[in-house]
Amino acid sequence: MLWRAKGSASHRVLGWVWALAMLALAAISFDIRMSKSGGFSLIHLLSLWVVIAVPRLIWRARRHDVKGHRAMVRGLSIFALLVAGFFTFPFHRMLGVWLFQ
């Protein structure tokens, strides 16, 4: 999607797929509460931010605010990858256990 022509039909379709996938994964993450005796943890703040940011991202695209849309896509992608990645690799988490033990 990053290398396709911006504003094309395939860009819009893949954008909707990406947005819906982000929202679905964020919603699913609220049901994952293995730490803190079944409560929410700091990683859920990222999910909450995704639930707020993705509709704003779509709104900017529909308003043809290319600059704002591009900035939000980059920010959301980088933030989601780096922060979510950081929170998934500590040694006490499942992925950290799988990779490092």
C-alpha atoms as a PDB file:
ATOM      1  CA  MET A   1       0.000   0.000   0.000  1.00  0.00           C
ATOM      2  CA  LEU A   2       2.889   2.342   0.720  1.00  0.00           C
ATOM      3  CA  TRP A   3       4.198   2.036  -2.844  1.00  0.00           C
ATOM      4  CA  ARG A   4       0.885   2.232  -4.689  1.00  0.00           C
ATOM      5  CA  ALA A   5      -0.522   5.402  -6.198  1.00  0.00           C
ATOM      6  CA  LYS A   6      -2.193   7.452  -3.498  1.00  0.00           C
ATOM      7  CA  GLY A   7      -5.914   8.015  -3.941  1.00  0.00           C
ATOM      8  CA  SER A   8      -6.358   5.115  -6.348  1.00  0.00           C
ATOM      9  CA  ALA A   9      -9.138   2.572  -5.935  1.00  0.00           C
ATOM     10  CA  SER A  10      -6.723  -0.066  -4.637  1.00  0.00           C
ATOM     11  CA  HIS A  11      -5.287   2.430  -2.131  1.00  0.00           C
ATOM     12  CA  ARG A  12      -8.772   3.142  -0.803  1.00  0.00           C
ATOM     13  CA  VAL A  13      -9.729  -0.542  -0.605  1.00  0.00           C
ATOM     14  CA  LEU A  14      -6.510  -1.524   1.135  1.00  0.00           C
ATOM     15  CA  GLY A  15      -6.885   1.492   3.421  1.00  0.00           C
ATOM     16  CA  TRP A  16     -10.309   0.304   4.520  1.00  0.00           C
ATOM     17  CA  VAL A  17      -8.965  -3.223   5.054  1.00  0.00           C
ATOM     18  CA  TRP A  18      -6.088  -1.840   7.151  1.00  0.00           C
ATOM     19  CA  ALA A  19      -8.395   0.454   9.170  1.00  0.00           C
ATOM     20  CA  LEU A  20     -10.907  -2.305   9.877  1.00  0.00           C
ATOM     21  CA  ALA A  21      -8.118  -4.720  10.830  1.00  0.00           C
ATOM     22  CA  MET A  22      -6.626  -2.157  13.235  1.00  0.00           C
ATOM     23  CA  LEU A  23     -10.026  -1.528  14.836  1.00  0.00           C
ATOM     24  CA  ALA A  24     -10.786  -5.257  15.076  1.00  0.00           C
ATOM     25  CA  LEU A  25      -7.444  -6.031  16.693  1.00  0.00           C
ATOM     26  CA  ALA A  26      -7.812  -3.146  19.116  1.00  0.00           C
ATOM     27  CA  ALA A  27     -11.291  -4.377  20.074  1.00  0.00           C
ATOM     28  CA  ILE A  28     -10.033  -7.935  20.523  1.00  0.00           C
ATOM     29  CA  SER A  29      -7.167  -6.723  22.704  1.00  0.00           C
ATOM     30  CA  PHE A  30      -9.642  -5.429  25.296  1.00  0.00           C
ATOM     31  CA  ASP A  31     -10.609  -9.058  25.925  1.00  0.00           C
ATOM     32  CA  ILE A  32      -6.996 -10.075  26.594  1.00  0.00           C
ATOM     33  CA  ARG A  33      -6.444  -9.410  30.282  1.00  0.00           C
ATOM     34  CA  MET A  34      -3.948 -11.999  31.481  1.00  0.00           C
ATOM     35  CA  SER A  35      -1.921  -9.668  33.690  1.00  0.00           C
ATOM     36  CA  LYS A  36      -3.020  -7.856  36.851  1.00  0.00           C
ATOM     37  CA  SER A  37      -5.543 -10.538  37.827  1.00  0.00           C
ATOM     38  CA  GLY A  38      -7.687 -10.072  34.763  1.00  0.00           C
ATOM     39  CA  GLY A  39      -7.559  -6.267  34.703  1.00  0.00           C
ATOM     40  CA  PHE A  40      -6.412  -3.876  32.049  1.00  0.00           C
ATOM     41  CA  SER A  41      -2.737  -2.991  31.611  1.00  0.00           C
ATOM     42  CA  LEU A  42      -0.809  -0.128  30.030  1.00  0.00           C
ATOM     43  CA  ILE A  43      -0.855  -1.812  26.628  1.00  0.00           C
ATOM     44  CA  HIS A  44      -4.612  -1.273  26.548  1.00  0.00           C
ATOM     45  CA  LEU A  45      -3.948   2.480  26.309  1.00  0.00           C
ATOM     46  CA  LEU A  46      -2.473   1.810  22.873  1.00  0.00           C
ATOM     47  CA  SER A  47      -5.660  -0.010  21.896  1.00  0.00           C
ATOM     48  CA  LEU A  48      -7.765   2.875  23.163  1.00  0.00           C
ATOM     49  CA  TRP A  49      -5.623   5.289  21.156  1.00  0.00           C
ATOM     50  CA  VAL A  50      -6.116   3.176  18.010  1.00  0.00           C
ATOM     51  CA  VAL A  51      -9.895   3.206  18.524  1.00  0.00           C
ATOM     52  CA  ILE A  52      -9.770   7.011  18.668  1.00  0.00           C
ATOM     53  CA  ALA A  53      -7.125   7.599  15.969  1.00  0.00           C
ATOM     54  CA  VAL A  54      -8.422   5.353  13.167  1.00  0.00           C
ATOM     55  CA  PRO A  55     -11.781   7.151  12.760  1.00  0.00           C
ATOM     56  CA  ARG A  56      -9.915  10.479  12.742  1.00  0.00           C
ATOM     57  CA  LEU A  57      -7.598   9.054  10.094  1.00  0.00           C
ATOM     58  CA  ILE A  58     -10.561   8.056   7.930  1.00  0.00           C
ATOM     59  CA  TRP A  59     -12.199  11.458   8.499  1.00  0.00           C
ATOM     60  CA  ARG A  60      -9.061  13.249   7.285  1.00  0.00           C
ATOM     61  CA  ALA A  61      -8.882  11.056   4.188  1.00  0.00           C
ATOM     62  CA  ARG A  62     -12.536  11.702   3.368  1.00  0.00           C
ATOM     63  CA  ARG A  63     -11.960  15.457   3.753  1.00  0.00           C
ATOM     64  CA  HIS A  64      -9.015  15.163   1.324  1.00  0.00           C
ATOM     65  CA  ASP A  65      -6.636  16.432   4.014  1.00  0.00           C
ATOM     66  CA  VAL A  66      -3.670  14.629   2.434  1.00  0.00           C
ATOM     67  CA  LYS A  67      -1.045  16.188   4.687  1.00  0.00           C
ATOM     68  CA  GLY A  68      -2.930  15.397   7.898  1.00  0.00           C
ATOM     69  CA  HIS A  69      -3.891  11.927   6.695  1.00  0.00           C
ATOM     70  CA  ARG A  70      -0.286  11.100   5.769  1.00  0.00           C
ATOM     71  CA  ALA A  71       1.008  12.355   9.135  1.00  0.00           C
ATOM     72  CA  MET A  72      -1.569  10.313  11.052  1.00  0.00           C
ATOM     73  CA  VAL A  73      -0.870   7.144   9.026  1.00  0.00           C
ATOM     74  CA  ARG A  74       2.847   7.457   9.642  1.00  0.00           C
ATOM     75  CA  GLY A  75       2.382   8.250  13.315  1.00  0.00           C
ATOM     76  CA  LEU A  76      -0.097   5.450  13.900  1.00  0.00           C
ATOM     77  CA  SER A  77       2.014   2.911  12.025  1.00  0.00           C
ATOM     78  CA  ILE A  78       5.270   3.823  13.735  1.00  0.00           C
ATOM     79  CA  PHE A  79       3.675   4.200  17.156  1.00  0.00           C
ATOM     80  CA  ALA A  80       1.759   0.939  16.838  1.00  0.00           C
ATOM     81  CA  LEU A  81       4.786  -1.003  15.631  1.00  0.00           C
ATOM     82  CA  LEU A  82       7.334   0.404  18.057  1.00  0.00           C
ATOM     83  CA  VAL A  83       5.228   0.718  21.184  1.00  0.00           C
ATOM     84  CA  ALA A  84       3.302  -2.510  20.694  1.00  0.00           C
ATOM     85  CA  GLY A  85       6.548  -4.274  19.852  1.00  0.00           C
ATOM     86  CA  PHE A  86       8.190  -2.899  22.971  1.00  0.00           C
ATOM     87  CA  PHE A  87       5.338  -4.124  25.166  1.00  0.00           C
ATOM     88  CA  THR A  88       5.251  -7.610  23.619  1.00  0.00           C
ATOM     89  CA  PHE A  89       8.893  -8.529  24.136  1.00  0.00           C
ATOM     90  CA  PRO A  90       9.500  -8.228  27.899  1.00  0.00           C
ATOM     91  CA  PHE A  91      10.643 -11.524  29.301  1.00  0.00           C
ATOM     92  CA  HIS A  92       7.562 -12.172  31.436  1.00  0.00           C
ATOM     93  CA  ARG A  93       5.163 -11.897  28.483  1.00  0.00           C
ATOM     94  CA  MET A  94       4.238 -14.886  26.322  1.00  0.00           C
ATOM     95  CA  LEU A  95       6.143 -13.771  23.198  1.00  0.00           C
ATOM     96  CA  GLY A  96       9.199 -12.888  25.270  1.00  0.00           C
ATOM     97  CA  VAL A  97       9.099 -16.329  26.884  1.00  0.00           C
ATOM     98  CA  TRP A  98       8.808 -18.032  23.496  1.00  0.00           C
ATOM     99  CA  LEU A  99      11.699 -16.092  21.987  1.00  0.00           C
ATOM    100  CA  PHE A 100      14.134 -15.769  24.860  1.00  0.00           C
ATOM    101  CA  GLN A 101      13.792 -18.952  26.901  1.00  0.00           C
END
